[in-house]
Each structure stands twice: as C-alpha cells, then as structure tokens.
Amino acid sequence: LAFNPYPLMGPSQDNSWPRGYPIAKLQSNFADASAYAPEHWDVGDIPYSNVGVIQSVCDGDPDNDAIFRLTRPGALDFTFDRTPLAMNLLVPHTAYSPYNAQATTHLYAAFWGLYLPISVPGRVTDIWRSYITQRIMKEVGLHLVYSPPIVRHDRSAHDYLADFQAESDLYVKANKFLQCLDEWMSDDPDS
C-alpha cells in the first residue's frame, strides 16, 4: 500500500524516505530497488483538473523522519534532481505516499484536504491528513503529484529525540492506518 517517491526523485542519499512512510516497509522497499528502474516507468500526461495535491520535495533538510536524521551523516544537506529532465511523479491510486505541509499545494478541487486532525501530535497530523486526503481523492478521481524541488529548507535547531517521540504514531500505526483507509468504502451510491 505504501509508495516511497524519493528513489524516483533523484535523491542525493540512497535509501531515503519521507516522514510518515511506514518504517516496517523500509527493508522490503530498499531490497527491491529494481521496482524503481526506468523500464517500470510509464511516462505520459494527465489533465491538470485531475490533480488534487502537488507536493514539491525540497533541498537542504527535507521532511525526513527523526530516525533518518538521527542515523544518517549528512542528513541535513540533501538534494533532489533539479535538472531539466527531472519529472513530476504521479502517485498511483493503488498506493499511498506521505506528504507534509511544506511546499505543498492543495488545488481548488482538493481544498477540503487542508483540514488537519487535531487529536494527534503536530509531527503526525499533516501525515495522517495526507493519507486521508489521498483516500478521498481516490473516490473523486484526483491524484497526488510529487514535483522536483522548488525550495531549499534550512531547518532551525531541532531536538531530534523529541521529534522521534512525537512521531511514534507514525512508526507504530502507519501500516494499520493505511490498511484501514484502503478497506474503507464510501456510502455514496455514486462512487
């Protein structure tokens, strides 16, 4: 169910992932690097009206989780492909990719996806929102697109252990949350 967009965005660090990507899926994700090979890509266009959210990755200190930051030298000097050949990435409706609240555009058709859950820590709320929004976008024919970097993020001093604690729901509940969302069925007879 989970889709890691980073390997396809030309990251400067191998085996990287966005905050909110299910930790339990990391080893299998990295073990199957062939799934990200160009022969598995489909290149084409979709109408702009079918895009609900655009998440731009960012250079500098992108939105990785605390585990990544605590275990990787150079985690704060990260870049993605900015060449003219860098392409937007359409996340398939069969998968979920976490996106955050930074360098993210909710287009008019998906403005309803700006609501943030308030019952979870701040390091979790935008990720849960991204997953919920993707599930609803699937019902209404909208897509999530990842784009090459348009910003550089220089993060202020951070307590990564505090982030680790605040992100604990992401580490232990993301798989079940995605499974629940994927099994959810709308009561709308037109969907």
Foldseek 3Di string as FASTA:
>chain_A
DADFCQVLQAKPDPQFGAQLGAPVCSVVVNVPCVCNDPVNDDDDDDDPVQAFKEAEAAAFQTHGALVCVVPDPPNRGMFTDPDPPRDKAWDDLVHAGFGFDPRMDGDPVQPVLVDWDDPAFPSCGSRLSRLLSSLVSSVVRHTYIYGYHPYHDRDDDDDSVVRCVSSVCSHPPSVVSNVVSVPDDDPDPVD
